[in-house]
Amino acid sequence: MKTLLKMSIVVLFVSFLTMSCEKDENLTELDKIELEVKTFASNNKLTRCTIREHQGDSWVELVRESPFTFSNGFIVANQVYPSATKEVRYNLLNLYSYQKADNSVLFLEIVKDK
């Protein structure tokens, strides 16, 4: 009886490992990037973001310390203008780098497709 119980536990463990590996293999590149950045932001308790975009030969700040969410491979934030606020979405496939800024803000750099 003990042997049967041990074998059942081993079979359950192996099937769990097999199922979790299959799930990772089915993730697209975009899903993997989103999961990585989302995990980084969550682990560092980052709730605001600053986004810069490479345009020509320089970096342009598009979003500064805005609340953000993730949605189907996009980071969604608010771009603030002097007279209005606009929701913007940036494709995470264009992500060049990300890091935690000194003021506990998620800092992202995006490169436009050419």
N, C-alpha and C. Protein backbone atom coordinates (compact mmCIF):
# COMPACT_ATOMS: atom_id res chain seq x y z
N MET A 1 0.81 -1.20 0.00
CA MET A 1 0.00 0.00 0.00
C MET A 1 0.86 1.27 0.00
N LYS A 2 1.95 1.25 0.80
CA LYS A 2 2.85 2.40 0.85
C LYS A 2 3.51 2.61 -0.51
N THR A 3 3.86 1.54 -1.17
CA THR A 3 4.50 1.64 -2.48
C THR A 3 3.54 2.26 -3.49
N LEU A 4 2.29 1.86 -3.45
CA LEU A 4 1.28 2.41 -4.35
C LEU A 4 1.10 3.91 -4.10
N LEU A 5 1.08 4.30 -2.85
CA LEU A 5 0.94 5.71 -2.49
C LEU A 5 2.15 6.52 -2.98
N LYS A 6 3.35 5.99 -2.80
CA LYS A 6 4.56 6.67 -3.26
C LYS A 6 4.55 6.81 -4.78
N MET A 7 4.15 5.75 -5.46
CA MET A 7 4.11 5.80 -6.93
C MET A 7 3.07 6.81 -7.41
N SER A 8 1.95 6.90 -6.73
CA SER A 8 0.91 7.87 -7.09
C SER A 8 1.42 9.29 -6.94
N ILE A 9 2.13 9.55 -5.87
CA ILE A 9 2.70 10.88 -5.64
C ILE A 9 3.71 11.22 -6.72
N VAL A 10 4.56 10.27 -7.08
CA VAL A 10 5.56 10.50 -8.14
C VAL A 10 4.87 10.77 -9.46
N VAL A 11 3.84 10.01 -9.80
CA VAL A 11 3.11 10.21 -11.06
C VAL A 11 2.44 11.58 -11.08
N LEU A 12 1.84 11.98 -9.98
CA LEU A 12 1.22 13.30 -9.90
C LEU A 12 2.25 14.42 -10.06
N PHE A 13 3.39 14.26 -9.43
CA PHE A 13 4.45 15.27 -9.53
C PHE A 13 4.97 15.39 -10.95
N VAL A 14 5.23 14.25 -11.59
CA VAL A 14 5.72 14.26 -12.97
C VAL A 14 4.68 14.85 -13.92
N SER A 15 3.42 14.52 -13.73
CA SER A 15 2.38 15.09 -14.60
C SER A 15 2.25 16.59 -14.37
N PHE A 16 2.41 17.05 -13.14
CA PHE A 16 2.39 18.49 -12.86
C PHE A 16 3.52 19.20 -13.58
N LEU A 17 4.73 18.65 -13.50
CA LEU A 17 5.87 19.24 -14.20
C LEU A 17 5.66 19.26 -15.71
N THR A 18 5.11 18.20 -16.25
CA THR A 18 4.86 18.12 -17.69
C THR A 18 3.84 19.17 -18.11
N MET A 19 2.79 19.32 -17.35
CA MET A 19 1.75 20.30 -17.69
C MET A 19 2.29 21.72 -17.60
N SER A 20 3.07 22.04 -16.58
CA SER A 20 3.58 23.40 -16.44
C SER A 20 4.59 23.72 -17.53
N CYS A 21 5.37 22.75 -17.98
CA CYS A 21 6.32 22.97 -19.07
C CYS A 21 5.59 23.22 -20.38
N GLU A 22 4.51 22.49 -20.62
CA GLU A 22 3.74 22.69 -21.84
C GLU A 22 3.15 24.09 -21.90
N LYS A 23 2.70 24.60 -20.77
CA LYS A 23 2.11 25.93 -20.73
C LYS A 23 3.13 26.98 -21.14
N ASP A 24 4.37 26.88 -20.65
CA ASP A 24 5.42 27.82 -21.02
C ASP A 24 5.77 27.74 -22.49
N GLU A 25 5.73 26.55 -23.06
CA GLU A 25 6.07 26.38 -24.46
C GLU A 25 5.02 27.02 -25.37
N ASN A 26 3.78 27.14 -24.91
CA ASN A 26 2.71 27.71 -25.72
C ASN A 26 2.67 29.23 -25.66
N LEU A 27 3.47 29.84 -24.80
CA LEU A 27 3.48 31.29 -24.69
C LEU A 27 4.17 31.90 -25.91
N THR A 28 3.59 32.96 -26.44
CA THR A 28 4.23 33.68 -27.54
C THR A 28 5.33 34.57 -26.97
N GLU A 29 6.15 35.10 -27.85
CA GLU A 29 7.21 36.02 -27.41
C GLU A 29 6.60 37.22 -26.67
N LEU A 30 5.50 37.72 -27.19
CA LEU A 30 4.81 38.85 -26.57
C LEU A 30 4.30 38.49 -25.18
N ASP A 31 3.74 37.30 -25.03
CA ASP A 31 3.26 36.84 -23.72
C ASP A 31 4.40 36.75 -22.72
N LYS A 32 5.55 36.25 -23.17
CA LYS A 32 6.71 36.11 -22.29
C LYS A 32 7.22 37.47 -21.83
N ILE A 33 7.27 38.44 -22.75
CA ILE A 33 7.73 39.78 -22.40
C ILE A 33 6.77 40.41 -21.40
N GLU A 34 5.47 40.32 -21.68
CA GLU A 34 4.48 40.90 -20.78
C GLU A 34 4.59 40.29 -19.38
N LEU A 35 4.70 38.98 -19.32
CA LEU A 35 4.81 38.29 -18.03
C LEU A 35 6.08 38.73 -17.28
N GLU A 36 7.18 38.85 -17.99
CA GLU A 36 8.44 39.26 -17.37
C GLU A 36 8.35 40.67 -16.78
N VAL A 37 7.84 41.61 -17.57
CA VAL A 37 7.75 43.01 -17.11
C VAL A 37 6.71 43.13 -16.00
N LYS A 38 5.59 42.43 -16.15
CA LYS A 38 4.54 42.46 -15.13
C LYS A 38 5.07 41.90 -13.80
N THR A 39 5.81 40.82 -13.86
CA THR A 39 6.40 40.22 -12.66
C THR A 39 7.41 41.17 -12.02
N PHE A 40 8.25 41.80 -12.86
CA PHE A 40 9.23 42.76 -12.36
C PHE A 40 8.55 43.91 -11.64
N ALA A 41 7.51 44.47 -12.26
CA ALA A 41 6.78 45.59 -11.66
C ALA A 41 6.11 45.17 -10.35
N SER A 42 5.52 44.00 -10.34
CA SER A 42 4.84 43.50 -9.14
C SER A 42 5.84 43.24 -8.01
N ASN A 43 6.94 42.59 -8.33
CA ASN A 43 7.95 42.27 -7.31
C ASN A 43 8.56 43.53 -6.69
N ASN A 44 8.66 44.59 -7.49
CA ASN A 44 9.24 45.84 -7.01
C ASN A 44 8.20 46.86 -6.56
N LYS A 45 6.92 46.43 -6.56
CA LYS A 45 5.80 47.28 -6.12
C LYS A 45 5.76 48.61 -6.89
N LEU A 46 5.90 48.51 -8.21
CA LEU A 46 5.89 49.69 -9.07
C LEU A 46 4.47 49.90 -9.60
N THR A 47 3.92 51.08 -9.36
CA THR A 47 2.54 51.35 -9.78
C THR A 47 2.45 52.50 -10.78
N ARG A 48 3.56 53.16 -11.04
CA ARG A 48 3.60 54.25 -12.01
C ARG A 48 4.73 53.98 -13.00
N CYS A 49 4.62 54.57 -14.19
CA CYS A 49 5.67 54.35 -15.19
C CYS A 49 6.02 55.63 -15.92
N THR A 50 7.24 55.65 -16.41
CA THR A 50 7.72 56.68 -17.31
C THR A 50 8.15 55.96 -18.58
N ILE A 51 7.70 56.48 -19.73
CA ILE A 51 8.02 55.84 -21.01
C ILE A 51 8.73 56.83 -21.91
N ARG A 52 9.87 56.39 -22.43
CA ARG A 52 10.60 57.17 -23.43
C ARG A 52 10.62 56.39 -24.73
N GLU A 53 10.61 57.13 -25.83
CA GLU A 53 10.62 56.50 -27.15
C GLU A 53 11.80 57.05 -27.94
N HIS A 54 12.46 56.16 -28.64
CA HIS A 54 13.59 56.59 -29.48
C HIS A 54 13.04 57.13 -30.79
N GLN A 55 13.33 58.40 -31.05
CA GLN A 55 12.87 59.06 -32.27
C GLN A 55 14.08 59.75 -32.90
N GLY A 56 14.44 59.33 -34.09
CA GLY A 56 15.61 59.90 -34.76
C GLY A 56 16.87 59.54 -33.99
N ASP A 57 17.57 60.57 -33.53
CA ASP A 57 18.81 60.35 -32.79
C ASP A 57 18.69 60.61 -31.30
N SER A 58 17.46 60.75 -30.80
CA SER A 58 17.31 61.08 -29.39
C SER A 58 16.13 60.32 -28.77
N TRP A 59 16.06 60.41 -27.46
CA TRP A 59 14.96 59.81 -26.70
C TRP A 59 13.98 60.90 -26.30
N VAL A 60 12.69 60.65 -26.52
CA VAL A 60 11.63 61.60 -26.20
C VAL A 60 10.75 61.00 -25.11
N GLU A 61 10.54 61.75 -24.04
CA GLU A 61 9.68 61.27 -22.95
C GLU A 61 8.22 61.45 -23.35
N LEU A 62 7.49 60.35 -23.39
CA LEU A 62 6.08 60.37 -23.80
C LEU A 62 5.14 60.35 -22.61
N VAL A 63 5.52 59.63 -21.58
CA VAL A 63 4.68 59.46 -20.39
C VAL A 63 5.57 59.65 -19.17
N ARG A 64 5.08 60.41 -18.20
CA ARG A 64 5.88 60.66 -16.99
C ARG A 64 5.08 60.28 -15.75
N GLU A 65 5.59 59.29 -15.05
CA GLU A 65 5.04 58.83 -13.76
C GLU A 65 3.53 58.67 -13.78
N SER A 66 3.05 57.92 -14.74
CA SER A 66 1.62 57.66 -14.91
C SER A 66 1.26 56.29 -14.34
N PRO A 67 0.06 56.14 -13.78
CA PRO A 67 -0.42 54.79 -13.45
C PRO A 67 -0.48 53.97 -14.74
N PHE A 68 -0.29 52.66 -14.64
CA PHE A 68 -0.27 51.83 -15.84
C PHE A 68 -0.87 50.47 -15.56
N THR A 69 -1.25 49.81 -16.65
CA THR A 69 -1.72 48.43 -16.61
C THR A 69 -1.16 47.71 -17.82
N PHE A 70 -1.34 46.41 -17.86
CA PHE A 70 -0.95 45.60 -19.01
C PHE A 70 -2.22 45.05 -19.65
N SER A 71 -2.23 45.00 -20.98
CA SER A 71 -3.40 44.49 -21.69
C SER A 71 -2.99 43.85 -23.00
N ASN A 72 -3.03 42.53 -23.06
CA ASN A 72 -2.78 41.77 -24.29
C ASN A 72 -1.50 42.20 -25.01
N GLY A 73 -0.40 42.29 -24.28
CA GLY A 73 0.88 42.61 -24.88
C GLY A 73 1.16 44.09 -25.02
N PHE A 74 0.31 44.92 -24.45
CA PHE A 74 0.51 46.37 -24.47
C PHE A 74 0.64 46.88 -23.05
N ILE A 75 1.39 47.95 -22.88
CA ILE A 75 1.37 48.67 -21.61
C ILE A 75 0.47 49.88 -21.85
N VAL A 76 -0.47 50.09 -20.96
CA VAL A 76 -1.47 51.15 -21.10
C VAL A 76 -1.20 52.19 -20.01
N ALA A 77 -1.00 53.44 -20.43
CA ALA A 77 -0.71 54.53 -19.49
C ALA A 77 -1.45 55.77 -19.94
N ASN A 78 -1.30 56.85 -19.18
CA ASN A 78 -1.93 58.12 -19.51
C ASN A 78 -0.88 59.14 -19.92
N GLN A 79 -1.06 59.70 -21.10
CA GLN A 79 -0.19 60.76 -21.57
C GLN A 79 -0.88 62.08 -21.22
N VAL A 80 -0.21 62.90 -20.44
CA VAL A 80 -0.82 64.13 -19.93
C VAL A 80 -0.37 65.32 -20.77
N TYR A 81 -1.34 66.05 -21.27
CA TYR A 81 -1.10 67.29 -22.00
C TYR A 81 -1.53 68.44 -21.10
N PRO A 82 -1.14 69.66 -21.43
CA PRO A 82 -1.55 70.79 -20.58
C PRO A 82 -3.06 70.90 -20.39
N SER A 83 -3.83 70.53 -21.39
CA SER A 83 -5.28 70.71 -21.25
C SER A 83 -6.08 69.40 -21.24
N ALA A 84 -5.43 68.26 -21.39
CA ALA A 84 -6.16 66.99 -21.46
C ALA A 84 -5.26 65.82 -21.09
N THR A 85 -5.88 64.69 -20.85
CA THR A 85 -5.17 63.45 -20.60
C THR A 85 -5.66 62.42 -21.62
N LYS A 86 -4.74 61.68 -22.19
CA LYS A 86 -5.07 60.72 -23.24
C LYS A 86 -4.49 59.35 -22.88
N GLU A 87 -5.32 58.31 -22.98
CA GLU A 87 -4.83 56.95 -22.75
C GLU A 87 -4.01 56.51 -23.95
N VAL A 88 -2.81 55.99 -23.70
CA VAL A 88 -1.93 55.53 -24.77
C VAL A 88 -1.54 54.08 -24.51
N ARG A 89 -1.28 53.37 -25.60
CA ARG A 89 -0.88 51.96 -25.52
C ARG A 89 0.40 51.77 -26.32
N TYR A 90 1.34 51.07 -25.71
CA TYR A 90 2.61 50.79 -26.38
C TYR A 90 2.82 49.28 -26.44
N ASN A 91 3.13 48.80 -27.61
CA ASN A 91 3.34 47.38 -27.85
C ASN A 91 4.63 46.94 -27.17
N LEU A 92 4.56 45.94 -26.34
CA LEU A 92 5.73 45.47 -25.62
C LEU A 92 6.75 44.78 -26.52
N LEU A 93 6.37 44.44 -27.74
CA LEU A 93 7.36 43.89 -28.68
C LEU A 93 8.38 44.95 -29.07
N ASN A 94 8.03 46.23 -28.90
CA ASN A 94 8.95 47.32 -29.22
C ASN A 94 9.76 47.77 -28.01
N LEU A 95 9.67 47.02 -26.91
CA LEU A 95 10.39 47.37 -25.68
C LEU A 95 11.89 47.18 -25.88
N TYR A 96 12.63 48.24 -25.60
CA TYR A 96 14.09 48.19 -25.70
C TYR A 96 14.71 47.84 -24.35
N SER A 97 14.22 48.49 -23.29
CA SER A 97 14.72 48.19 -21.95
C SER A 97 13.70 48.62 -20.90
N TYR A 98 13.87 48.09 -19.71
CA TYR A 98 13.06 48.51 -18.57
C TYR A 98 13.89 48.39 -17.32
N GLN A 99 13.56 49.22 -16.35
CA GLN A 99 14.27 49.19 -15.07
C GLN A 99 13.45 49.92 -14.02
N LYS A 100 13.88 49.79 -12.79
CA LYS A 100 13.25 50.52 -11.69
C LYS A 100 13.99 51.84 -11.56
N ALA A 101 13.26 52.94 -11.65
CA ALA A 101 13.86 54.26 -11.48
C ALA A 101 14.06 54.54 -9.98
N ASP A 102 14.86 55.54 -9.69
CA ASP A 102 15.17 55.88 -8.29
C ASP A 102 13.93 56.16 -7.46
N ASN A 103 12.90 56.72 -8.08
CA ASN A 103 11.69 57.09 -7.35
C ASN A 103 10.62 56.00 -7.40
N SER A 104 11.04 54.74 -7.49
CA SER A 104 10.13 53.59 -7.51
C SER A 104 9.12 53.64 -8.65
N VAL A 105 9.58 54.06 -9.81
CA VAL A 105 8.76 54.12 -11.01
C VAL A 105 9.33 53.15 -12.03
N LEU A 106 8.45 52.45 -12.75
CA LEU A 106 8.89 51.58 -13.83
C LEU A 106 9.31 52.45 -15.00
N PHE A 107 10.55 52.35 -15.41
CA PHE A 107 11.09 53.17 -16.48
C PHE A 107 11.26 52.29 -17.73
N LEU A 108 10.55 52.64 -18.81
CA LEU A 108 10.57 51.84 -20.03
C LEU A 108 11.10 52.67 -21.21
N GLU A 109 11.87 52.01 -22.07
CA GLU A 109 12.33 52.64 -23.30
C GLU A 109 11.78 51.80 -24.46
N ILE A 110 11.12 52.50 -25.39
CA ILE A 110 10.46 51.88 -26.53
C ILE A 110 11.18 52.32 -27.81
N VAL A 111 11.32 51.41 -28.76
CA VAL A 111 11.91 51.75 -30.05
C VAL A 111 10.83 51.54 -31.10
N LYS A 112 10.57 52.58 -31.88
CA LYS A 112 9.56 52.48 -32.94
C LYS A 112 10.04 51.55 -34.05
N ASP A 113 9.09 50.88 -34.69
CA ASP A 113 9.41 50.11 -35.89
C ASP A 113 9.72 51.09 -37.02
N LYS A 114 10.64 50.73 -37.87
CA LYS A 114 10.96 51.60 -39.01
C LYS A 114 10.44 51.01 -40.28
